[in-house]
Amino acid sequence: MEIDFLLIGQGLAGTALGYRLKKAGKKIRIYDRGDQNQSSRIAAGLFNPVTGRKMVKTWNADLLFPEIIPFYKELEDLTGQEFLREQSIYRPFISIEEQNEWMGNSADPSFQIYLKKIVQDSQSPELNDPYGGVILKNSGWLDINPMLDAMGEYFGEDLVPDKFEEDGLHFRDGFWEYKGIQAKALVYCNGNAAKQSRFFGFLPFAPVKGEILELRQDYCPDYIVNRGVFRVHLGNGIHRVGSTYTWHDLDQGPTESAKNELLERLSGLVNLPVKELLSQKTGIRPATRDRKPFLGKHPTEQSVYIFNGFGAKGVSLIPFYSKMMFRFLVEFQPIEDEVNITRYFNYI
């Protein structure tokens, strides 16, 4: 069977790029073992325009955020499923100085698209927010597992639920041959596993372990609370709380230290006891050393590409960058230098 693109991995990256290619009439196959897809499957799914301790606009926000909601709504319409949750994010201030700084930010036109409201008083006795906070818009979260499952059904026979074994891959007569398939091109969308391939071991992946909790707790506002930890209400008094960031302990198992860290941070944000701890999940994010994704073509191998390295912000980054990668693959448009893997060719 002759196809245009063989994609390795059906996480967020492989799903988005595979959809764009299939929509354009390209013949694709996606190899994916869902049980190995822990980074996307465990991810919290937030898209948040203001991040970090210093509460600054996320990198490239003005490019990324106009793409997020329309793209995931398109996938909802395609599958007939609902998995996009548009929701305000409330970020409490930690001081009067920060409150004053954000009063100034409210007059900055570059922030207007993301600012719903600035409040100077506590929004609830259940919250530790004596200085008020900023309520953000154009934000929310993606329920990733139902999205991946729905898109898996959309791909149908184009999604092969099998482990990709690189030893079975051979290049002959201008095609990459694999298990009866002749592919014109390969695209590695398989997270940290790409680092183990014979093609992309030179790229500086910097994997980050993240752990999240699901628990029962009273106080169920219609917004996400995010300071120190995020707290997302999933319904029926159940909340998702996260996340930790660990660069050293990269085993897959949950840790007591991460659980205690998250519960301690939560107690500093919400003035209520946890009724029940339901689960603790872990995933290894495919982050990169410079915290920018990997897009581009292998420097020497014919028709071997990578679309990867989206770290903890995949939900925000992938709609925009999947369009860029699609245009590179199909329309031969250039990839921006700051995300092109050419930036690392001197290290080969």
Protein backbone atom coordinates (compact mmCIF):
# COMPACT_ATOMS: atom_id res chain seq x y z
CA MET A 1 0.00 0.00 0.00
CA GLU A 2 1.37 3.40 -0.98
CA ILE A 3 0.66 6.36 1.30
CA ASP A 4 1.85 9.92 1.61
CA PHE A 5 2.71 10.12 5.32
CA LEU A 6 3.42 7.59 8.03
CA LEU A 7 2.97 9.26 11.41
CA ILE A 8 4.41 7.73 14.56
CA GLY A 9 2.25 8.62 17.58
CA GLN A 10 -1.39 9.66 17.99
CA GLY A 11 -1.06 11.98 20.95
CA LEU A 12 -2.12 15.59 20.60
CA ALA A 13 0.61 16.26 18.04
CA GLY A 14 -0.06 13.25 15.83
CA THR A 15 -3.81 13.77 16.04
CA ALA A 16 -3.69 17.42 14.98
CA LEU A 17 -1.20 16.93 12.16
CA GLY A 18 -2.85 13.72 10.99
CA TYR A 19 -6.20 15.51 10.83
CA ARG A 20 -4.82 18.38 8.78
CA LEU A 21 -3.15 15.99 6.34
CA LYS A 22 -6.19 13.74 5.99
CA LYS A 23 -8.48 16.74 5.55
CA ALA A 24 -6.26 17.85 2.65
CA GLY A 25 -6.73 14.50 0.95
CA LYS A 26 -3.38 12.98 1.87
CA LYS A 27 -3.16 9.24 2.48
CA ILE A 28 -1.87 8.63 5.99
CA ARG A 29 -1.25 5.89 8.52
CA ILE A 30 -0.71 6.54 12.22
CA TYR A 31 1.01 3.96 14.38
CA ASP A 32 0.18 4.31 18.05
CA ARG A 33 0.02 2.21 21.17
CA GLY A 34 -2.54 4.06 23.28
CA ASP A 35 -1.27 2.56 26.53
CA GLN A 36 2.14 4.11 25.86
CA ASN A 37 0.71 7.55 25.15
CA GLN A 38 1.04 8.75 28.72
CA SER A 39 2.06 12.36 28.12
CA SER A 40 -1.09 13.33 26.23
CA ARG A 41 -3.38 10.95 28.11
CA ILE A 42 -2.36 12.28 31.53
CA ALA A 43 -2.05 15.98 30.61
CA ALA A 44 -4.33 18.42 32.40
CA GLY A 45 -5.26 20.11 29.14
CA LEU A 46 -5.26 23.74 30.27
CA PHE A 47 -4.87 26.60 27.85
CA ASN A 48 -3.88 29.62 29.88
CA PRO A 49 -2.72 32.92 28.34
CA VAL A 50 -1.00 34.18 31.51
CA THR A 51 1.48 31.84 33.16
CA GLY A 52 4.34 31.55 35.60
CA ARG A 53 5.06 33.05 38.98
CA LYS A 54 5.47 36.48 37.42
CA MET A 55 2.12 36.17 35.62
CA VAL A 56 3.29 37.10 32.13
CA LYS A 57 1.71 36.36 28.77
CA THR A 58 2.64 32.90 27.63
CA TRP A 59 5.23 32.68 24.84
CA ASN A 60 3.74 33.63 21.45
CA ALA A 61 0.28 34.01 23.00
CA ASP A 62 -0.93 36.44 20.36
CA LEU A 63 -0.17 33.88 17.63
CA LEU A 64 -1.32 30.79 19.51
CA PHE A 65 -4.57 31.75 21.18
CA PRO A 66 -6.61 32.83 18.13
CA GLU A 67 -6.12 29.27 16.80
CA ILE A 68 -7.00 27.24 19.90
CA ILE A 69 -10.78 27.46 20.26
CA PRO A 70 -11.63 27.37 16.52
CA PHE A 71 -9.41 24.31 15.99
CA TYR A 72 -10.83 22.21 18.80
CA LYS A 73 -14.38 23.28 17.93
CA GLU A 74 -13.71 22.04 14.41
CA LEU A 75 -12.74 18.65 15.86
CA GLU A 76 -15.88 18.66 17.99
CA ASP A 77 -18.02 19.32 14.93
CA LEU A 78 -16.16 16.61 13.03
CA THR A 79 -16.66 13.93 15.69
CA GLY A 80 -19.96 15.02 17.19
CA GLN A 81 -18.35 14.96 20.63
CA GLU A 82 -17.80 17.70 23.22
CA PHE A 83 -14.36 17.95 24.82
CA LEU A 84 -13.50 21.67 24.74
CA ARG A 85 -14.28 23.50 27.97
CA GLU A 86 -14.11 27.27 27.56
CA GLN A 87 -13.74 28.61 31.06
CA SER A 88 -12.35 31.66 32.82
CA ILE A 89 -9.21 31.29 34.91
CA TYR A 90 -8.97 33.18 38.18
CA ARG A 91 -5.43 33.99 39.31
CA PRO A 92 -5.30 35.49 42.81
CA PHE A 93 -2.80 38.24 43.53
CA ILE A 94 -0.18 37.55 46.17
CA SER A 95 0.42 41.21 47.15
CA ILE A 96 -0.82 44.76 46.82
CA GLU A 97 2.15 45.43 44.54
CA GLU A 98 1.02 42.74 42.13
CA GLN A 99 -2.53 44.08 42.26
CA ASN A 100 -1.26 47.54 41.33
CA GLU A 101 0.87 46.14 38.52
CA TRP A 102 -2.14 44.42 37.01
CA MET A 103 -4.24 47.52 37.29
CA GLY A 104 -1.62 49.02 35.01
CA ASN A 105 -1.71 45.99 32.71
CA SER A 106 -5.44 46.45 32.30
CA ALA A 107 -4.77 49.60 30.30
CA ASP A 108 -2.32 47.83 27.98
CA PRO A 109 -4.05 46.99 24.66
CA SER A 110 -1.92 43.86 24.27
CA PHE A 111 -3.58 42.35 27.36
CA GLN A 112 -7.16 43.29 26.54
CA ILE A 113 -7.97 40.13 24.60
CA TYR A 114 -7.12 38.01 27.66
CA LEU A 115 -8.48 40.14 30.52
CA LYS A 116 -12.07 39.61 31.60
CA LYS A 117 -11.90 41.47 34.89
CA ILE A 118 -9.58 42.60 37.66
CA VAL A 119 -11.00 42.30 41.17
CA GLN A 120 -9.50 43.91 44.26
CA ASP A 121 -11.34 41.88 46.89
CA SER A 122 -11.63 38.21 47.75
CA GLN A 123 -14.05 36.30 45.54
CA SER A 124 -15.00 33.72 48.15
CA PRO A 125 -14.38 32.89 51.80
CA GLU A 126 -13.28 29.47 50.57
CA LEU A 127 -10.34 31.05 48.72
CA ASN A 128 -7.11 32.48 50.08
CA ASP A 129 -7.20 35.59 47.90
CA PRO A 130 -7.21 38.67 50.19
CA TYR A 131 -5.90 40.95 47.41
CA GLY A 132 -8.33 39.83 44.74
CA GLY A 133 -6.97 38.72 41.40
CA VAL A 134 -7.24 38.74 37.64
CA ILE A 135 -9.98 36.84 35.80
CA LEU A 136 -8.77 35.71 32.38
CA LYS A 137 -10.75 34.92 29.26
CA ASN A 138 -9.93 33.03 26.05
CA SER A 139 -8.92 30.24 28.41
CA GLY A 140 -10.13 26.86 29.59
CA TRP A 141 -9.22 23.20 29.26
CA LEU A 142 -9.43 20.32 26.83
CA ASP A 143 -10.75 16.94 27.96
CA ILE A 144 -7.98 15.13 26.15
CA ASN A 145 -8.87 11.46 26.50
CA PRO A 146 -12.34 11.77 24.91
CA MET A 147 -10.80 13.91 22.18
CA LEU A 148 -8.12 11.34 21.36
CA ASP A 149 -10.68 8.52 21.44
CA ALA A 150 -13.10 10.41 19.18
CA MET A 151 -10.36 11.27 16.71
CA GLY A 152 -9.17 7.66 16.80
CA GLU A 153 -12.63 6.65 15.55
CA TYR A 154 -12.42 9.36 12.88
CA PHE A 155 -9.09 8.01 11.62
CA GLY A 156 -10.55 4.51 11.47
CA GLU A 157 -8.28 2.07 9.63
CA ASP A 158 -5.73 4.86 9.16
CA LEU A 159 -4.90 4.43 12.87
CA VAL A 160 -2.98 1.23 13.57
CA PRO A 161 -3.07 0.32 17.30
CA ASP A 162 0.34 -1.27 17.29
CA LYS A 163 3.80 -0.43 18.56
CA PHE A 164 6.08 1.09 15.94
CA GLU A 165 9.26 -0.98 15.62
CA GLU A 166 11.93 1.06 13.91
CA ASP A 167 13.98 -2.04 13.10
CA GLY A 168 11.30 -2.95 10.57
CA LEU A 169 11.69 0.32 8.69
CA HIS A 170 13.65 0.39 5.42
CA PHE A 171 14.21 2.94 2.69
CA ARG A 172 13.95 1.62 -0.88
CA ASP A 173 13.38 3.34 -4.21
CA GLY A 174 12.28 6.62 -2.69
CA PHE A 175 9.86 5.10 -0.16
CA TRP A 176 9.98 4.20 3.52
CA GLU A 177 8.75 0.62 3.74
CA TYR A 178 7.13 -0.67 6.92
CA LYS A 179 4.92 -3.75 7.31
CA GLY A 180 3.56 -3.67 3.77
CA ILE A 181 3.27 0.11 3.65
CA GLN A 182 5.26 2.32 1.29
CA ALA A 183 5.33 5.83 2.70
CA LYS A 184 6.64 8.88 0.91
CA ALA A 185 7.52 10.46 4.27
CA LEU A 186 7.81 9.74 7.99
CA VAL A 187 6.79 12.13 10.76
CA TYR A 188 7.79 11.45 14.37
CA CYS A 189 5.05 12.73 16.69
CA ASN A 190 5.71 10.25 19.48
CA GLY A 191 6.93 12.42 22.33
CA ASN A 192 9.99 11.34 24.29
CA ALA A 193 10.21 8.06 22.36
CA ALA A 194 11.54 10.04 19.38
CA LYS A 195 14.76 10.53 21.30
CA GLN A 196 15.37 6.77 21.09
CA SER A 197 15.00 6.73 17.31
CA ARG A 198 18.02 6.46 15.07
CA PHE A 199 17.09 9.78 13.51
CA PHE A 200 16.50 12.29 16.29
CA GLY A 201 18.73 11.29 19.19
CA PHE A 202 20.74 14.48 18.66
CA LEU A 203 17.85 16.74 19.66
CA PRO A 204 18.02 18.07 23.24
CA PHE A 205 14.84 16.70 24.74
CA ALA A 206 14.51 17.65 28.40
CA PRO A 207 11.74 15.36 29.71
CA VAL A 208 9.70 16.64 32.64
CA LYS A 209 7.67 14.43 34.93
CA GLY A 210 4.31 15.80 36.00
CA GLU A 211 1.89 14.48 38.58
CA ILE A 212 -1.76 15.45 39.07
CA LEU A 213 -4.43 14.52 41.58
CA GLU A 214 -8.16 14.03 41.32
CA LEU A 215 -10.02 14.57 44.57
CA ARG A 216 -13.31 15.48 46.17
CA GLN A 217 -13.63 18.89 47.79
CA ASP A 218 -16.41 21.38 48.37
CA TYR A 219 -16.52 24.75 46.56
CA CYS A 220 -17.22 24.34 42.87
CA PRO A 221 -16.94 27.73 41.13
CA ASP A 222 -17.58 28.18 37.43
CA TYR A 223 -13.94 29.16 36.86
CA ILE A 224 -10.54 27.51 37.16
CA VAL A 225 -8.44 28.69 40.10
CA ASN A 226 -4.75 28.83 39.31
CA ARG A 227 -2.02 30.01 41.65
CA GLY A 228 0.70 27.63 42.78
CA VAL A 229 -1.57 24.84 41.55
CA PHE A 230 -4.49 24.74 39.15
CA ARG A 231 -7.84 23.47 40.33
CA VAL A 232 -10.35 22.41 37.68
CA HIS A 233 -13.86 21.29 38.60
CA LEU A 234 -14.71 18.15 36.60
CA GLY A 235 -18.27 17.87 37.93
CA ASN A 236 -19.95 16.18 40.90
CA GLY A 237 -17.57 17.81 43.37
CA ILE A 238 -14.50 16.24 41.75
CA HIS A 239 -11.50 18.45 41.00
CA ARG A 240 -8.27 17.96 39.09
CA VAL A 241 -5.29 19.52 40.87
CA GLY A 242 -1.79 19.90 39.49
CA SER A 243 0.84 19.94 38.47
CA THR A 244 4.35 19.12 39.57
CA TYR A 245 7.47 19.59 37.44
CA THR A 246 10.38 17.24 38.01
CA TRP A 247 13.43 16.95 35.78
CA HIS A 248 15.35 14.35 37.81
CA ASP A 249 12.98 11.54 38.87
CA LEU A 250 11.61 10.37 35.53
CA ASP A 251 10.21 6.98 36.45
CA GLN A 252 6.52 6.55 35.64
CA GLY A 253 5.27 5.90 39.15
CA PRO A 254 3.47 8.37 41.43
CA THR A 255 5.38 9.69 44.42
CA GLU A 256 4.40 10.57 47.96
CA SER A 257 6.43 13.77 47.77
CA ALA A 258 4.48 15.03 44.76
CA LYS A 259 1.17 14.21 46.43
CA ASN A 260 2.17 16.10 49.55
CA GLU A 261 3.44 19.04 47.52
CA LEU A 262 0.18 19.37 45.61
CA LEU A 263 -1.98 19.01 48.71
CA GLU A 264 0.09 21.61 50.55
CA ARG A 265 -0.20 24.09 47.69
CA LEU A 266 -3.91 23.42 47.42
CA SER A 267 -4.39 24.10 51.14
CA GLY A 268 -2.73 27.48 50.63
CA LEU A 269 -5.24 28.29 47.91
CA VAL A 270 -8.53 26.76 49.08
CA ASN A 271 -9.58 26.99 52.72
CA LEU A 272 -11.41 23.67 52.82
CA PRO A 273 -10.40 20.10 53.64
CA VAL A 274 -10.02 17.45 50.96
CA LYS A 275 -12.82 14.93 51.42
CA GLU A 276 -11.30 12.11 49.39
CA LEU A 277 -8.24 11.55 47.24
CA LEU A 278 -9.44 9.63 44.18
CA SER A 279 -6.35 9.21 42.04
CA GLN A 280 -2.78 10.27 41.41
CA LYS A 281 -1.46 10.11 37.85
CA THR A 282 1.90 10.75 36.27
CA GLY A 283 3.21 11.46 32.80
CA ILE A 284 6.54 12.37 31.24
CA ARG A 285 6.20 15.49 29.13
CA PRO A 286 8.30 15.75 25.95
CA ALA A 287 9.81 19.11 26.83
CA THR A 288 12.88 20.62 25.21
CA ARG A 289 15.94 22.38 26.54
CA ASP A 290 14.91 25.77 25.19
CA ARG A 291 11.20 25.13 25.88
CA LYS A 292 10.33 25.49 22.22
CA PRO A 293 8.98 22.64 20.08
CA PHE A 294 10.82 20.64 17.43
CA LEU A 295 9.55 21.06 13.86
CA GLY A 296 11.40 20.22 10.69
CA LYS A 297 13.22 17.78 8.46
CA HIS A 298 16.13 15.53 9.33
CA PRO A 299 19.38 17.09 8.08
CA THR A 300 20.46 14.13 5.93
CA GLU A 301 17.76 11.45 5.76
CA GLN A 302 15.28 11.74 2.92
CA SER A 303 11.68 12.58 3.88
CA VAL A 304 12.08 12.11 7.64
CA TYR A 305 10.43 14.78 9.78
CA ILE A 306 9.63 15.57 13.38
CA PHE A 307 6.68 17.35 14.99
CA ASN A 308 7.31 17.06 18.69
CA GLY A 309 8.58 18.59 21.93
CA PHE A 310 5.48 20.48 23.06
CA GLY A 311 6.02 19.93 26.79
CA ALA A 312 3.33 21.04 29.21
CA LYS A 313 1.64 23.46 26.79
CA GLY A 314 0.72 21.13 23.98
CA VAL A 315 -2.98 22.06 24.01
CA SER A 316 -2.04 25.70 23.42
CA LEU A 317 0.84 25.20 21.00
CA ILE A 318 -0.35 22.42 18.72
CA PRO A 319 -3.25 24.09 16.85
CA PHE A 320 -0.96 26.86 15.55
CA TYR A 321 2.15 24.78 14.96
CA SER A 322 0.31 21.88 13.33
CA LYS A 323 -0.83 24.39 10.71
CA MET A 324 2.77 25.53 10.25
CA MET A 325 4.00 21.94 9.96
CA PHE A 326 1.25 21.07 7.50
CA ARG A 327 2.16 24.02 5.31
CA PHE A 328 5.80 22.96 5.42
CA LEU A 329 5.03 19.37 4.43
CA VAL A 330 2.40 20.04 1.80
CA GLU A 331 2.86 23.60 0.58
CA PHE A 332 6.65 23.82 1.11
CA GLN A 333 6.36 26.95 3.22
CA PRO A 334 9.21 27.63 5.67
CA ILE A 335 9.20 26.85 9.36
CA GLU A 336 10.01 29.70 11.72
CA ASP A 337 13.63 29.62 12.86
CA GLU A 338 12.85 29.59 16.59
CA VAL A 339 11.07 26.22 16.35
CA ASN A 340 12.94 24.72 13.37
CA ILE A 341 15.28 21.86 14.30
CA THR A 342 17.93 23.48 12.12
CA ARG A 343 18.82 25.43 15.27
CA TYR A 344 20.47 22.23 16.54
CA PHE A 345 22.25 21.01 13.43
CA ASN A 346 25.59 22.27 14.76
CA TYR A 347 25.33 19.71 17.57
CA ILE A 348 25.18 16.62 15.36
